[in-house]
Amino acid sequence: MTMSTPTERSTLHQRLRADLTTAMKARDELRTSTLRLALAAVKDAEVAGATARVLDDAEVSKVLTREVKKRREAADAYAAAGRAEQADRERAEGEVLGEYLPRQLGDDELAAIIDRVLAELDLSGPKAIGPAMKSVQAAVAGRAEGGRVAALVKARLTGG
């Protein structure tokens, strides 16, 4: 695999395809199947809507985030049903996909961003949750799960 120069356009989609080829050559069944499913999800997103289009890195990242969330929810469901083997598989797939996502913010980092955004917008009270969420989500840019963000924003605005 060659290193890309600053003038070449390197995308997350290209990285996924290259890593799929590497996984296939290495006969890594978990990584191969996970990357195939991820690329299929990206392709589905590209052809969804009125016209087909190529996704940029941010959009591919959103698709991968959604796929990781699906894996986590499936793992929880399998674990609750006593199907540990399937739960482990879903968690492993989620970890593979997680390698392609930005590093997630820690609780302290996320709380600091929320406090900064709320102070900048001068928002308070439960009615401000919607506008606050919109601004905070833009500030964290996929580096924190929506559920975590929502819980912290709500706690900050309602004093809970």
C-alpha atoms as a PDB file:
ATOM      1  CA  MET A   1       0.000   0.000   0.000  1.00  0.00           C
ATOM      2  CA  THR A   2       1.456   3.358  -0.973  1.00  0.00           C
ATOM      3  CA  MET A   3       1.377   6.467   1.125  1.00  0.00           C
ATOM      4  CA  SER A   4      -0.748   9.250  -0.282  1.00  0.00           C
ATOM      5  CA  THR A   5       0.758  12.634  -0.928  1.00  0.00           C
ATOM      6  CA  PRO A   6      -1.024  15.791   0.200  1.00  0.00           C
ATOM      7  CA  THR A   7      -2.232  16.428  -3.367  1.00  0.00           C
ATOM      8  CA  GLU A   8      -3.983  13.057  -3.637  1.00  0.00           C
ATOM      9  CA  ARG A   9      -7.522  12.775  -2.363  1.00  0.00           C
ATOM     10  CA  SER A  10      -7.706  10.089   0.298  1.00  0.00           C
ATOM     11  CA  THR A  11     -11.184   9.214   1.521  1.00  0.00           C
ATOM     12  CA  LEU A  12     -12.591   7.015   4.217  1.00  0.00           C
ATOM     13  CA  HIS A  13     -14.402   5.021   1.531  1.00  0.00           C
ATOM     14  CA  GLN A  14     -11.109   4.301  -0.260  1.00  0.00           C
ATOM     15  CA  ARG A  15      -9.548   3.247   3.045  1.00  0.00           C
ATOM     16  CA  LEU A  16     -12.434   0.841   3.689  1.00  0.00           C
ATOM     17  CA  ARG A  17     -11.994  -0.710   0.219  1.00  0.00           C
ATOM     18  CA  ALA A  18      -8.225  -1.030   0.621  1.00  0.00           C
ATOM     19  CA  ASP A  19      -8.600  -2.590   4.076  1.00  0.00           C
ATOM     20  CA  LEU A  20     -11.199  -5.013   2.703  1.00  0.00           C
ATOM     21  CA  THR A  21      -8.691  -6.207   0.102  1.00  0.00           C
ATOM     22  CA  THR A  22      -6.036  -6.611   2.792  1.00  0.00           C
ATOM     23  CA  ALA A  23      -8.449  -8.535   5.045  1.00  0.00           C
ATOM     24  CA  MET A  24      -9.437 -10.827   2.174  1.00  0.00           C
ATOM     25  CA  LYS A  25      -5.792 -11.586   1.385  1.00  0.00           C
ATOM     26  CA  ALA A  26      -5.135 -12.269   5.067  1.00  0.00           C
ATOM     27  CA  ARG A  27      -8.224 -14.528   5.203  1.00  0.00           C
ATOM     28  CA  ASP A  28      -9.551 -12.478   8.149  1.00  0.00           C
ATOM     29  CA  GLU A  29     -13.195 -13.578   8.036  1.00  0.00           C
ATOM     30  CA  LEU A  30     -14.493 -11.166  10.710  1.00  0.00           C
ATOM     31  CA  ARG A  31     -12.869  -8.080   9.211  1.00  0.00           C
ATOM     32  CA  THR A  32     -13.776  -9.115   5.638  1.00  0.00           C
ATOM     33  CA  SER A  33     -17.468  -9.651   6.380  1.00  0.00           C
ATOM     34  CA  THR A  34     -17.692  -6.526   8.548  1.00  0.00           C
ATOM     35  CA  LEU A  35     -16.079  -4.298   5.928  1.00  0.00           C
ATOM     36  CA  ARG A  36     -18.279  -5.790   3.196  1.00  0.00           C
ATOM     37  CA  LEU A  37     -21.381  -4.950   5.226  1.00  0.00           C
ATOM     38  CA  ALA A  38     -20.073  -1.450   5.940  1.00  0.00           C
ATOM     39  CA  LEU A  39     -19.338  -0.811   2.263  1.00  0.00           C
ATOM     40  CA  ALA A  40     -22.817  -2.098   1.368  1.00  0.00           C
ATOM     41  CA  ALA A  41     -24.328   0.354   3.863  1.00  0.00           C
ATOM     42  CA  VAL A  42     -22.299   3.175   2.298  1.00  0.00           C
ATOM     43  CA  LYS A  43     -23.451   2.122  -1.170  1.00  0.00           C
ATOM     44  CA  ASP A  44     -27.076   2.056   0.023  1.00  0.00           C
ATOM     45  CA  ALA A  45     -26.675   5.596   1.366  1.00  0.00           C
ATOM     46  CA  GLU A  46     -25.135   6.712  -1.929  1.00  0.00           C
ATOM     47  CA  VAL A  47     -28.061   5.477  -3.998  1.00  0.00           C
ATOM     48  CA  ALA A  48     -30.765   6.549  -1.540  1.00  0.00           C
ATOM     49  CA  GLY A  49     -32.801   9.538  -2.612  1.00  0.00           C
ATOM     50  CA  ALA A  50     -33.687  10.939  -5.994  1.00  0.00           C
ATOM     51  CA  THR A  51     -30.191  10.792  -7.481  1.00  0.00           C
ATOM     52  CA  ALA A  52     -27.131   8.681  -6.749  1.00  0.00           C
ATOM     53  CA  ARG A  53     -24.128  10.554  -5.406  1.00  0.00           C
ATOM     54  CA  VAL A  54     -20.734   9.948  -3.848  1.00  0.00           C
ATOM     55  CA  LEU A  55     -20.587  10.454  -0.084  1.00  0.00           C
ATOM     56  CA  ASP A  56     -17.896  12.612   1.452  1.00  0.00           C
ATOM     57  CA  ASP A  57     -15.895  11.481   4.484  1.00  0.00           C
ATOM     58  CA  ALA A  58     -18.312  13.082   6.974  1.00  0.00           C
ATOM     59  CA  GLU A  59     -21.268  11.261   5.414  1.00  0.00           C
ATOM     60  CA  VAL A  60     -19.394   7.938   5.310  1.00  0.00           C
ATOM     61  CA  SER A  61     -18.497   8.479   8.958  1.00  0.00           C
ATOM     62  CA  LYS A  62     -22.200   9.010   9.787  1.00  0.00           C
ATOM     63  CA  VAL A  63     -23.058   5.737   8.036  1.00  0.00           C
ATOM     64  CA  LEU A  64     -20.341   3.920  10.010  1.00  0.00           C
ATOM     65  CA  THR A  65     -21.546   5.489  13.261  1.00  0.00           C
ATOM     66  CA  ARG A  66     -25.049   4.193  12.517  1.00  0.00           C
ATOM     67  CA  GLU A  67     -23.628   0.732  11.783  1.00  0.00           C
ATOM     68  CA  VAL A  68     -21.665   0.704  15.063  1.00  0.00           C
ATOM     69  CA  LYS A  69     -24.833   1.659  16.942  1.00  0.00           C
ATOM     70  CA  LYS A  70     -26.728  -1.187  15.232  1.00  0.00           C
ATOM     71  CA  ARG A  71     -24.013  -3.639  16.294  1.00  0.00           C
ATOM     72  CA  ARG A  72     -24.139  -2.428  19.907  1.00  0.00           C
ATOM     73  CA  GLU A  73     -27.938  -2.697  20.030  1.00  0.00           C
ATOM     74  CA  ALA A  74     -27.841  -6.170  18.460  1.00  0.00           C
ATOM     75  CA  ALA A  75     -25.157  -7.283  20.926  1.00  0.00           C
ATOM     76  CA  ASP A  76     -27.299  -6.083  23.838  1.00  0.00           C
ATOM     77  CA  ALA A  77     -30.341  -7.906  22.436  1.00  0.00           C
ATOM     78  CA  TYR A  78     -28.379 -11.124  21.909  1.00  0.00           C
ATOM     79  CA  ALA A  79     -26.875 -10.902  25.394  1.00  0.00           C
ATOM     80  CA  ALA A  80     -30.316 -10.368  26.938  1.00  0.00           C
ATOM     81  CA  ALA A  81     -31.567 -13.431  25.048  1.00  0.00           C
ATOM     82  CA  GLY A  82     -28.690 -15.535  26.381  1.00  0.00           C
ATOM     83  CA  ARG A  83     -26.951 -15.805  23.006  1.00  0.00           C
ATOM     84  CA  ALA A  84     -23.430 -14.864  24.096  1.00  0.00           C
ATOM     85  CA  GLU A  85     -21.694 -16.064  20.927  1.00  0.00           C
ATOM     86  CA  GLN A  86     -23.769 -13.811  18.653  1.00  0.00           C
ATOM     87  CA  ALA A  87     -23.394 -10.919  21.120  1.00  0.00           C
ATOM     88  CA  ASP A  88     -19.601 -11.320  21.041  1.00  0.00           C
ATOM     89  CA  ARG A  89     -19.638 -11.343  17.240  1.00  0.00           C
ATOM     90  CA  GLU A  90     -21.687  -8.125  17.100  1.00  0.00           C
ATOM     91  CA  ARG A  91     -19.331  -6.438  19.584  1.00  0.00           C
ATOM     92  CA  ALA A  92     -16.303  -7.551  17.552  1.00  0.00           C
ATOM     93  CA  GLU A  93     -17.859  -6.147  14.361  1.00  0.00           C
ATOM     94  CA  GLY A  94     -18.576  -2.876  16.189  1.00  0.00           C
ATOM     95  CA  GLU A  95     -14.934  -2.674  17.275  1.00  0.00           C
ATOM     96  CA  VAL A  96     -13.733  -3.197  13.691  1.00  0.00           C
ATOM     97  CA  LEU A  97     -15.992  -0.392  12.453  1.00  0.00           C
ATOM     98  CA  GLY A  98     -15.039   1.815  15.398  1.00  0.00           C
ATOM     99  CA  GLU A  99     -11.464   1.895  14.082  1.00  0.00           C
ATOM    100  CA  TYR A 100     -12.702   4.064  11.211  1.00  0.00           C
ATOM    101  CA  LEU A 101     -14.464   6.634  13.384  1.00  0.00           C
ATOM    102  CA  PRO A 102     -12.965   9.673  15.118  1.00  0.00           C
ATOM    103  CA  ARG A 103     -11.862   9.184  18.713  1.00  0.00           C
ATOM    104  CA  GLN A 104     -14.863   9.578  20.999  1.00  0.00           C
ATOM    105  CA  LEU A 105     -14.831  12.441  23.500  1.00  0.00           C
ATOM    106  CA  GLY A 106     -14.453  11.637  27.173  1.00  0.00           C
ATOM    107  CA  ASP A 107     -17.119  12.747  29.637  1.00  0.00           C
ATOM    108  CA  ASP A 108     -15.053  15.735  30.840  1.00  0.00           C
ATOM    109  CA  GLU A 109     -14.313  16.884  27.268  1.00  0.00           C
ATOM    110  CA  LEU A 110     -17.970  16.544  26.284  1.00  0.00           C
ATOM    111  CA  ALA A 111     -19.162  18.389  29.404  1.00  0.00           C
ATOM    112  CA  ALA A 112     -16.726  21.243  28.663  1.00  0.00           C
ATOM    113  CA  ILE A 113     -18.021  21.580  25.082  1.00  0.00           C
ATOM    114  CA  ILE A 114     -21.642  21.553  26.272  1.00  0.00           C
ATOM    115  CA  ASP A 115     -20.930  24.184  28.935  1.00  0.00           C
ATOM    116  CA  ARG A 116     -19.127  26.385  26.387  1.00  0.00           C
ATOM    117  CA  VAL A 117     -21.950  26.140  23.824  1.00  0.00           C
ATOM    118  CA  LEU A 118     -24.639  26.830  26.432  1.00  0.00           C
ATOM    119  CA  ALA A 119     -22.696  29.851  27.703  1.00  0.00           C
ATOM    120  CA  GLU A 120     -22.158  31.191  24.156  1.00  0.00           C
ATOM    121  CA  LEU A 121     -25.842  30.834  23.298  1.00  0.00           C
ATOM    122  CA  ASP A 122     -27.003  31.950  26.753  1.00  0.00           C
ATOM    123  CA  LEU A 123     -29.515  29.100  26.912  1.00  0.00           C
ATOM    124  CA  SER A 124     -31.271  27.761  29.980  1.00  0.00           C
ATOM    125  CA  GLY A 125     -34.399  25.842  30.877  1.00  0.00           C
ATOM    126  CA  PRO A 126     -36.051  22.790  29.325  1.00  0.00           C
ATOM    127  CA  LYS A 127     -37.381  24.707  26.285  1.00  0.00           C
ATOM    128  CA  ALA A 128     -33.791  25.327  25.138  1.00  0.00           C
ATOM    129  CA  ILE A 129     -32.974  21.615  24.711  1.00  0.00           C
ATOM    130  CA  GLY A 130     -33.693  21.580  20.939  1.00  0.00           C
ATOM    131  CA  PRO A 131     -31.552  24.597  19.983  1.00  0.00           C
ATOM    132  CA  ALA A 132     -28.850  23.507  22.432  1.00  0.00           C
ATOM    133  CA  MET A 133     -28.720  19.983  20.958  1.00  0.00           C
ATOM    134  CA  LYS A 134     -28.365  21.359  17.437  1.00  0.00           C
ATOM    135  CA  SER A 135     -25.423  23.557  18.425  1.00  0.00           C
ATOM    136  CA  VAL A 136     -23.735  20.950  20.612  1.00  0.00           C
ATOM    137  CA  GLN A 137     -24.061  18.234  17.948  1.00  0.00           C
ATOM    138  CA  ALA A 138     -22.383  20.576  15.459  1.00  0.00           C
ATOM    139  CA  ALA A 139     -19.595  21.259  17.969  1.00  0.00           C
ATOM    140  CA  VAL A 140     -18.896  17.586  18.751  1.00  0.00           C
ATOM    141  CA  ALA A 141     -19.097  16.586  15.059  1.00  0.00           C
ATOM    142  CA  GLY A 142     -19.653  12.854  15.504  1.00  0.00           C
ATOM    143  CA  ARG A 143     -17.160  12.462  18.334  1.00  0.00           C
ATOM    144  CA  ALA A 144     -19.901  11.628  20.845  1.00  0.00           C
ATOM    145  CA  GLU A 145     -23.068   9.556  20.628  1.00  0.00           C
ATOM    146  CA  GLY A 146     -26.329  11.445  20.377  1.00  0.00           C
ATOM    147  CA  GLY A 147     -27.744   9.717  23.447  1.00  0.00           C
ATOM    148  CA  ARG A 148     -24.792  10.766  25.608  1.00  0.00           C
ATOM    149  CA  VAL A 149     -25.002  14.322  24.303  1.00  0.00           C
ATOM    150  CA  ALA A 150     -28.762  14.514  24.855  1.00  0.00           C
ATOM    151  CA  ALA A 151     -28.507  13.214  28.424  1.00  0.00           C
ATOM    152  CA  LEU A 152     -25.814  15.737  29.372  1.00  0.00           C
ATOM    153  CA  VAL A 153     -27.541  18.669  27.642  1.00  0.00           C
ATOM    154  CA  LYS A 154     -30.823  17.823  29.339  1.00  0.00           C
ATOM    155  CA  ALA A 155     -29.108  17.491  32.730  1.00  0.00           C
ATOM    156  CA  ARG A 156     -27.401  20.869  32.278  1.00  0.00           C
ATOM    157  CA  LEU A 157     -30.572  22.668  31.175  1.00  0.00           C
ATOM    158  CA  THR A 158     -32.983  21.130  33.683  1.00  0.00           C
ATOM    159  CA  GLY A 159     -30.569  21.031  36.613  1.00  0.00           C
ATOM    160  CA  GLY A 160     -31.004  17.248  36.832  1.00  0.00           C
END
